[in-house]
Amino acid sequence: MTIGFVLIKAEPGYEHKIYNELTKVIEIIQIHPLSEEYDFIAKVEAENYDKFERIVVKKIKSIEGIINIKTLTETKF
């Protein structure tokens, strides 16, 4: 299981639309609005790292109004 976080920057005026679209992504288990450099942080759960990346690219990054993302994934020591 891979757990990661996606920081999302929205184009002004798209925040509500993006939030609503993010709630439709079943792999996102938490979404929190933010108030500084990024507008949202989403916690994503996937079977493995490859599936995590596909979720980010195909289901999150493709949402209209998203202008920047940053992904943070767990690592093993």
PDB file of N, CA and C in Angstrom:
ATOM      1  N   MET A   1       0.847  -1.175   0.000  1.00  0.00           N
ATOM      2  CA  MET A   1       0.000   0.000   0.000  1.00  0.00           C
ATOM      3  C   MET A   1       0.897   1.244   0.000  1.00  0.00           C
ATOM      4  N   THR A   2       0.574   2.186  -0.868  1.00  0.00           N
ATOM      5  CA  THR A   2       1.285   3.463  -0.930  1.00  0.00           C
ATOM      6  C   THR A   2       0.337   4.570  -0.499  1.00  0.00           C
ATOM      7  N   ILE A   3       0.821   5.397   0.411  1.00  0.00           N
ATOM      8  CA  ILE A   3       0.066   6.565   0.848  1.00  0.00           C
ATOM      9  C   ILE A   3       0.887   7.790   0.493  1.00  0.00           C
ATOM     10  N   GLY A   4       0.234   8.764  -0.094  1.00  0.00           N
ATOM     11  CA  GLY A   4       0.916   9.989  -0.470  1.00  0.00           C
ATOM     12  C   GLY A   4       0.001  11.185  -0.304  1.00  0.00           C
ATOM     13  N   PHE A   5       0.610  12.344  -0.373  1.00  0.00           N
ATOM     14  CA  PHE A   5      -0.126  13.596  -0.257  1.00  0.00           C
ATOM     15  C   PHE A   5       0.118  14.417  -1.513  1.00  0.00           C
ATOM     16  N   VAL A   6      -0.915  15.087  -1.976  1.00  0.00           N
ATOM     17  CA  VAL A   6      -0.807  15.923  -3.166  1.00  0.00           C
ATOM     18  C   VAL A   6      -1.199  17.342  -2.769  1.00  0.00           C
ATOM     19  N   LEU A   7      -0.262  18.259  -2.912  1.00  0.00           N
ATOM     20  CA  LEU A   7      -0.531  19.684  -2.714  1.00  0.00           C
ATOM     21  C   LEU A   7      -1.029  20.233  -4.040  1.00  0.00           C
ATOM     22  N   ILE A   8      -2.116  20.972  -4.002  1.00  0.00           N
ATOM     23  CA  ILE A   8      -2.782  21.414  -5.231  1.00  0.00           C
ATOM     24  C   ILE A   8      -2.964  22.927  -5.226  1.00  0.00           C
ATOM     25  N   LYS A   9      -2.515  23.573  -6.296  1.00  0.00           N
ATOM     26  CA  LYS A   9      -2.699  25.005  -6.495  1.00  0.00           C
ATOM     27  C   LYS A   9      -3.779  25.201  -7.543  1.00  0.00           C
ATOM     28  N   ALA A  10      -4.792  25.988  -7.191  1.00  0.00           N
ATOM     29  CA  ALA A  10      -5.926  26.216  -8.089  1.00  0.00           C
ATOM     30  C   ALA A  10      -5.843  27.582  -8.747  1.00  0.00           C
ATOM     31  N   GLU A  11      -6.342  27.635  -9.961  1.00  0.00           N
ATOM     32  CA  GLU A  11      -6.524  28.918 -10.627  1.00  0.00           C
ATOM     33  C   GLU A  11      -7.623  29.666  -9.859  1.00  0.00           C
ATOM     34  N   PRO A  12      -7.430  30.960  -9.617  1.00  0.00           N
ATOM     35  CA  PRO A  12      -8.455  31.714  -8.875  1.00  0.00           C
ATOM     36  C   PRO A  12      -9.841  31.544  -9.500  1.00  0.00           C
ATOM     37  N   GLY A  13     -10.822  31.307  -8.638  1.00  0.00           N
ATOM     38  CA  GLY A  13     -12.192  31.114  -9.087  1.00  0.00           C
ATOM     39  C   GLY A  13     -12.574  29.660  -9.334  1.00  0.00           C
ATOM     40  N   TYR A  14     -11.604  28.751  -9.358  1.00  0.00           N
ATOM     41  CA  TYR A  14     -11.866  27.331  -9.612  1.00  0.00           C
ATOM     42  C   TYR A  14     -11.873  26.478  -8.343  1.00  0.00           C
ATOM     43  N   GLU A  15     -11.682  27.090  -7.188  1.00  0.00           N
ATOM     44  CA  GLU A  15     -11.518  26.323  -5.957  1.00  0.00           C
ATOM     45  C   GLU A  15     -12.684  25.376  -5.678  1.00  0.00           C
ATOM     46  N   HIS A  16     -13.912  25.863  -5.758  1.00  0.00           N
ATOM     47  CA  HIS A  16     -15.069  25.013  -5.455  1.00  0.00           C
ATOM     48  C   HIS A  16     -15.225  23.901  -6.482  1.00  0.00           C
ATOM     49  N   LYS A  17     -15.013  24.219  -7.754  1.00  0.00           N
ATOM     50  CA  LYS A  17     -15.120  23.204  -8.811  1.00  0.00           C
ATOM     51  C   LYS A  17     -14.076  22.107  -8.595  1.00  0.00           C
ATOM     52  N   ILE A  18     -12.856  22.498  -8.294  1.00  0.00           N
ATOM     53  CA  ILE A  18     -11.787  21.527  -8.066  1.00  0.00           C
ATOM     54  C   ILE A  18     -12.101  20.667  -6.848  1.00  0.00           C
ATOM     55  N   TYR A  19     -12.543  21.289  -5.772  1.00  0.00           N
ATOM     56  CA  TYR A  19     -12.889  20.534  -4.564  1.00  0.00           C
ATOM     57  C   TYR A  19     -13.951  19.478  -4.894  1.00  0.00           C
ATOM     58  N   ASN A  20     -14.980  19.881  -5.608  1.00  0.00           N
ATOM     59  CA  ASN A  20     -16.049  18.944  -5.971  1.00  0.00           C
ATOM     60  C   ASN A  20     -15.530  17.795  -6.832  1.00  0.00           C
ATOM     61  N   GLU A  21     -14.620  18.084  -7.750  1.00  0.00           N
ATOM     62  CA  GLU A  21     -14.045  17.033  -8.598  1.00  0.00           C
ATOM     63  C   GLU A  21     -13.153  16.100  -7.778  1.00  0.00           C
ATOM     64  N   LEU A  22     -12.398  16.657  -6.841  1.00  0.00           N
ATOM     65  CA  LEU A  22     -11.534  15.827  -6.000  1.00  0.00           C
ATOM     66  C   LEU A  22     -12.344  14.849  -5.157  1.00  0.00           C
ATOM     67  N   THR A  23     -13.526  15.251  -4.709  1.00  0.00           N
ATOM     68  CA  THR A  23     -14.361  14.355  -3.899  1.00  0.00           C
ATOM     69  C   THR A  23     -14.838  13.143  -4.693  1.00  0.00           C
ATOM     70  N   LYS A  24     -14.769  13.201  -6.001  1.00  0.00           N
ATOM     71  CA  LYS A  24     -15.185  12.079  -6.854  1.00  0.00           C
ATOM     72  C   LYS A  24     -14.081  11.033  -7.059  1.00  0.00           C
ATOM     73  N   VAL A  25     -12.863  11.366  -6.688  1.00  0.00           N
ATOM     74  CA  VAL A  25     -11.729  10.450  -6.859  1.00  0.00           C
ATOM     75  C   VAL A  25     -11.715   9.520  -5.652  1.00  0.00           C
ATOM     76  N   ILE A  26     -12.066   8.253  -5.854  1.00  0.00           N
ATOM     77  CA  ILE A  26     -12.262   7.346  -4.719  1.00  0.00           C
ATOM     78  C   ILE A  26     -10.963   7.044  -3.959  1.00  0.00           C
ATOM     79  N   GLU A  27      -9.828   7.206  -4.610  1.00  0.00           N
ATOM     80  CA  GLU A  27      -8.551   6.939  -3.941  1.00  0.00           C
ATOM     81  C   GLU A  27      -8.133   8.072  -3.000  1.00  0.00           C
ATOM     82  N   ILE A  28      -8.796   9.222  -3.114  1.00  0.00           N
ATOM     83  CA  ILE A  28      -8.516  10.325  -2.186  1.00  0.00           C
ATOM     84  C   ILE A  28      -9.321  10.054  -0.923  1.00  0.00           C
ATOM     85  N   ILE A  29      -8.616   9.871   0.191  1.00  0.00           N
ATOM     86  CA  ILE A  29      -9.308   9.529   1.432  1.00  0.00           C
ATOM     87  C   ILE A  29      -9.494  10.740   2.350  1.00  0.00           C
ATOM     88  N   GLN A  30      -8.800  11.837   2.062  1.00  0.00           N
ATOM     89  CA  GLN A  30      -8.989  13.087   2.800  1.00  0.00           C
ATOM     90  C   GLN A  30      -8.635  14.258   1.889  1.00  0.00           C
ATOM     91  N   ILE A  31      -9.388  15.353   2.040  1.00  0.00           N
ATOM     92  CA  ILE A  31      -9.089  16.605   1.333  1.00  0.00           C
ATOM     93  C   ILE A  31      -9.205  17.734   2.357  1.00  0.00           C
ATOM     94  N   HIS A  32      -8.193  18.587   2.379  1.00  0.00           N
ATOM     95  CA  HIS A  32      -8.224  19.723   3.289  1.00  0.00           C
ATOM     96  C   HIS A  32      -7.906  21.005   2.522  1.00  0.00           C
ATOM     97  N   PRO A  33      -8.758  22.016   2.604  1.00  0.00           N
ATOM     98  CA  PRO A  33      -8.440  23.317   2.018  1.00  0.00           C
ATOM     99  C   PRO A  33      -7.300  23.972   2.800  1.00  0.00           C
ATOM    100  N   LEU A  34      -6.465  24.705   2.086  1.00  0.00           N
ATOM    101  CA  LEU A  34      -5.337  25.423   2.690  1.00  0.00           C
ATOM    102  C   LEU A  34      -5.447  26.900   2.342  1.00  0.00           C
ATOM    103  N   SER A  35      -4.628  27.723   2.984  1.00  0.00           N
ATOM    104  CA  SER A  35      -4.770  29.162   2.759  1.00  0.00           C
ATOM    105  C   SER A  35      -3.478  29.876   2.373  1.00  0.00           C
ATOM    106  N   GLU A  36      -2.469  29.166   1.989  1.00  0.00           N
ATOM    107  CA  GLU A  36      -1.218  29.837   1.618  1.00  0.00           C
ATOM    108  C   GLU A  36      -0.836  29.513   0.179  1.00  0.00           C
ATOM    109  N   GLU A  37       0.362  29.019  -0.041  1.00  0.00           N
ATOM    110  CA  GLU A  37       0.867  28.771  -1.397  1.00  0.00           C
ATOM    111  C   GLU A  37       0.011  27.776  -2.183  1.00  0.00           C
ATOM    112  N   TYR A  38      -0.490  26.746  -1.524  1.00  0.00           N
ATOM    113  CA  TYR A  38      -1.357  25.761  -2.166  1.00  0.00           C
ATOM    114  C   TYR A  38      -2.767  25.896  -1.607  1.00  0.00           C
ATOM    115  N   ASP A  39      -3.752  25.474  -2.398  1.00  0.00           N
ATOM    116  CA  ASP A  39      -5.155  25.613  -2.004  1.00  0.00           C
ATOM    117  C   ASP A  39      -5.735  24.372  -1.339  1.00  0.00           C
ATOM    118  N   PHE A  40      -5.168  23.192  -1.638  1.00  0.00           N
ATOM    119  CA  PHE A  40      -5.660  21.933  -1.066  1.00  0.00           C
ATOM    120  C   PHE A  40      -4.505  20.992  -0.799  1.00  0.00           C
ATOM    121  N   ILE A  41      -4.732  20.102   0.157  1.00  0.00           N
ATOM    122  CA  ILE A  41      -3.877  18.933   0.311  1.00  0.00           C
ATOM    123  C   ILE A  41      -4.802  17.723   0.306  1.00  0.00           C
ATOM    124  N   ALA A  42      -4.452  16.743  -0.512  1.00  0.00           N
ATOM    125  CA  ALA A  42      -5.255  15.534  -0.643  1.00  0.00           C
ATOM    126  C   ALA A  42      -4.406  14.339  -0.234  1.00  0.00           C
ATOM    127  N   LYS A  43      -4.982  13.489   0.605  1.00  0.00           N
ATOM    128  CA  LYS A  43      -4.322  12.244   0.998  1.00  0.00           C
ATOM    129  C   LYS A  43      -4.822  11.144   0.073  1.00  0.00           C
ATOM    130  N   VAL A  44      -3.878  10.479  -0.586  1.00  0.00           N
ATOM    131  CA  VAL A  44      -4.211   9.468  -1.597  1.00  0.00           C
ATOM    132  C   VAL A  44      -3.686   8.113  -1.142  1.00  0.00           C
ATOM    133  N   GLU A  45      -4.516   7.091  -1.325  1.00  0.00           N
ATOM    134  CA  GLU A  45      -4.135   5.733  -0.985  1.00  0.00           C
ATOM    135  C   GLU A  45      -4.206   4.886  -2.256  1.00  0.00           C
ATOM    136  N   ALA A  46      -3.120   4.170  -2.547  1.00  0.00           N
ATOM    137  CA  ALA A  46      -3.067   3.332  -3.750  1.00  0.00           C
ATOM    138  C   ALA A  46      -2.385   2.010  -3.422  1.00  0.00           C
ATOM    139  N   GLU A  47      -2.600   1.022  -4.284  1.00  0.00           N
ATOM    140  CA  GLU A  47      -2.018  -0.309  -4.065  1.00  0.00           C
ATOM    141  C   GLU A  47      -0.491  -0.287  -4.106  1.00  0.00           C
ATOM    142  N   ASN A  48       0.073   0.559  -4.975  1.00  0.00           N
ATOM    143  CA  ASN A  48       1.528   0.646  -5.092  1.00  0.00           C
ATOM    144  C   ASN A  48       1.893   2.015  -5.679  1.00  0.00           C
ATOM    145  N   TYR A  49       3.190   2.263  -5.787  1.00  0.00           N
ATOM    146  CA  TYR A  49       3.646   3.573  -6.253  1.00  0.00           C
ATOM    147  C   TYR A  49       3.216   3.854  -7.700  1.00  0.00           C
ATOM    148  N   ASP A  50       3.262   2.861  -8.567  1.00  0.00           N
ATOM    149  CA  ASP A  50       2.858   3.065  -9.963  1.00  0.00           C
ATOM    150  C   ASP A  50       1.398   3.496 -10.058  1.00  0.00           C
ATOM    151  N   LYS A  51       0.536   2.850  -9.289  1.00  0.00           N
ATOM    152  CA  LYS A  51      -0.882   3.225  -9.295  1.00  0.00           C
ATOM    153  C   LYS A  51      -1.080   4.614  -8.694  1.00  0.00           C
ATOM    154  N   PHE A  52      -0.294   4.945  -7.677  1.00  0.00           N
ATOM    155  CA  PHE A  52      -0.350   6.284  -7.100  1.00  0.00           C
ATOM    156  C   PHE A  52      -0.056   7.337  -8.177  1.00  0.00           C
ATOM    157  N   GLU A  53       1.001   7.118  -8.937  1.00  0.00           N
ATOM    158  CA  GLU A  53       1.382   8.060  -9.987  1.00  0.00           C
ATOM    159  C   GLU A  53       0.301   8.174 -11.060  1.00  0.00           C
ATOM    160  N   ARG A  54      -0.311   7.058 -11.430  1.00  0.00           N
ATOM    161  CA  ARG A  54      -1.394   7.101 -12.421  1.00  0.00           C
ATOM    162  C   ARG A  54      -2.594   7.893 -11.900  1.00  0.00           C
ATOM    163  N   ILE A  55      -2.914   7.732 -10.632  1.00  0.00           N
ATOM    164  CA  ILE A  55      -4.017   8.494 -10.023  1.00  0.00           C
ATOM    165  C   ILE A  55      -3.715   9.983 -10.081  1.00  0.00           C
ATOM    166  N   VAL A  56      -2.491  10.350  -9.734  1.00  0.00           N
ATOM    167  CA  VAL A  56      -2.101  11.762  -9.737  1.00  0.00           C
ATOM    168  C   VAL A  56      -2.206  12.339 -11.147  1.00  0.00           C
ATOM    169  N   VAL A  57      -1.657  11.648 -12.122  1.00  0.00           N
ATOM    170  CA  VAL A  57      -1.624  12.167 -13.487  1.00  0.00           C
ATOM    171  C   VAL A  57      -2.994  12.130 -14.161  1.00  0.00           C
ATOM    172  N   LYS A  58      -3.686  11.013 -14.076  1.00  0.00           N
ATOM    173  CA  LYS A  58      -4.930  10.847 -14.842  1.00  0.00           C
ATOM    174  C   LYS A  58      -6.172  11.379 -14.133  1.00  0.00           C
ATOM    175  N   LYS A  59      -6.204  11.312 -12.804  1.00  0.00           N
ATOM    176  CA  LYS A  59      -7.415  11.694 -12.098  1.00  0.00           C
ATOM    177  C   LYS A  59      -7.333  13.041 -11.389  1.00  0.00           C
ATOM    178  N   ILE A  60      -6.143  13.459 -11.004  1.00  0.00           N
ATOM    179  CA  ILE A  60      -6.019  14.717 -10.254  1.00  0.00           C
ATOM    180  C   ILE A  60      -5.490  15.833 -11.151  1.00  0.00           C
ATOM    181  N   LYS A  61      -4.330  15.627 -11.713  1.00  0.00           N
ATOM    182  CA  LYS A  61      -3.678  16.671 -12.516  1.00  0.00           C
ATOM    183  C   LYS A  61      -4.514  17.100 -13.718  1.00  0.00           C
ATOM    184  N   SER A  62      -5.384  16.240 -14.187  1.00  0.00           N
ATOM    185  CA  SER A  62      -6.188  16.547 -15.368  1.00  0.00           C
ATOM    186  C   SER A  62      -7.430  17.394 -15.047  1.00  0.00           C
ATOM    187  N   ILE A  63      -7.693  17.670 -13.786  1.00  0.00           N
ATOM    188  CA  ILE A  63      -8.868  18.459 -13.415  1.00  0.00           C
ATOM    189  C   ILE A  63      -8.678  19.906 -13.874  1.00  0.00           C
ATOM    190  N   GLU A  64      -9.676  20.428 -14.561  1.00  0.00           N
ATOM    191  CA  GLU A  64      -9.623  21.798 -15.067  1.00  0.00           C
ATOM    192  C   GLU A  64      -9.474  22.789 -13.918  1.00  0.00           C
ATOM    193  N   GLY A  65      -8.549  23.719 -14.068  1.00  0.00           N
ATOM    194  CA  GLY A  65      -8.335  24.764 -13.077  1.00  0.00           C
ATOM    195  C   GLY A  65      -7.154  24.520 -12.163  1.00  0.00           C
ATOM    196  N   ILE A  66      -6.595  23.314 -12.206  1.00  0.00           N
ATOM    197  CA  ILE A  66      -5.393  23.040 -11.410  1.00  0.00           C
ATOM    198  C   ILE A  66      -4.197  23.573 -12.182  1.00  0.00           C
ATOM    199  N   ILE A  67      -3.414  24.432 -11.529  1.00  0.00           N
ATOM    200  CA  ILE A  67      -2.269  25.026 -12.221  1.00  0.00           C
ATOM    201  C   ILE A  67      -0.926  24.494 -11.729  1.00  0.00           C
ATOM    202  N   ASN A  68      -0.916  23.825 -10.574  1.00  0.00           N
ATOM    203  CA  ASN A  68       0.338  23.284 -10.069  1.00  0.00           C
ATOM    204  C   ASN A  68       0.033  22.230  -9.006  1.00  0.00           C
ATOM    205  N   ILE A  69       0.841  21.178  -8.986  1.00  0.00           N
ATOM    206  CA  ILE A  69       0.741  20.188  -7.916  1.00  0.00           C
ATOM    207  C   ILE A  69       2.137  19.830  -7.433  1.00  0.00           C
ATOM    208  N   LYS A  70       2.188  19.320  -6.229  1.00  0.00           N
ATOM    209  CA  LYS A  70       3.425  18.770  -5.670  1.00  0.00           C
ATOM    210  C   LYS A  70       3.028  17.496  -4.949  1.00  0.00           C
ATOM    211  N   THR A  71       3.736  16.397  -5.226  1.00  0.00           N
ATOM    212  CA  THR A  71       3.410  15.133  -4.579  1.00  0.00           C
ATOM    213  C   THR A  71       4.449  14.817  -3.523  1.00  0.00           C
ATOM    214  N   LEU A  72       3.966  14.236  -2.447  1.00  0.00           N
ATOM    215  CA  LEU A  72       4.806  13.790  -1.349  1.00  0.00           C
ATOM    216  C   LEU A  72       4.413  12.352  -1.050  1.00  0.00           C
ATOM    217  N   THR A  73       5.352  11.427  -1.159  1.00  0.00           N
ATOM    218  CA  THR A  73       5.025  10.024  -0.911  1.00  0.00           C
ATOM    219  C   THR A  73       5.889   9.472   0.213  1.00  0.00           C
ATOM    220  N   GLU A  74       5.354   8.440   0.832  1.00  0.00           N
ATOM    221  CA  GLU A  74       6.090   7.799   1.912  1.00  0.00           C
ATOM    222  C   GLU A  74       7.321   7.086   1.348  1.00  0.00           C
ATOM    223  N   THR A  75       8.269   6.822   2.213  1.00  0.00           N
ATOM    224  CA  THR A  75       9.456   6.110   1.827  1.00  0.00           C
ATOM    225  C   THR A  75       9.756   5.071   2.895  1.00  0.00           C
ATOM    226  N   LYS A  76      10.596   4.131   2.576  1.00  0.00           N
ATOM    227  CA  LYS A  76      10.991   3.086   3.529  1.00  0.00           C
ATOM    228  C   LYS A  76      12.427   3.353   3.975  1.00  0.00           C
ATOM    229  N   PHE A  77      12.694   3.105   5.219  1.00  0.00           N
ATOM    230  CA  PHE A  77      14.052   3.256   5.756  1.00  0.00           C
ATOM    231  C   PHE A  77      14.735   1.924   5.864  1.00  0.00           C
TER     232      PHE A  77
END
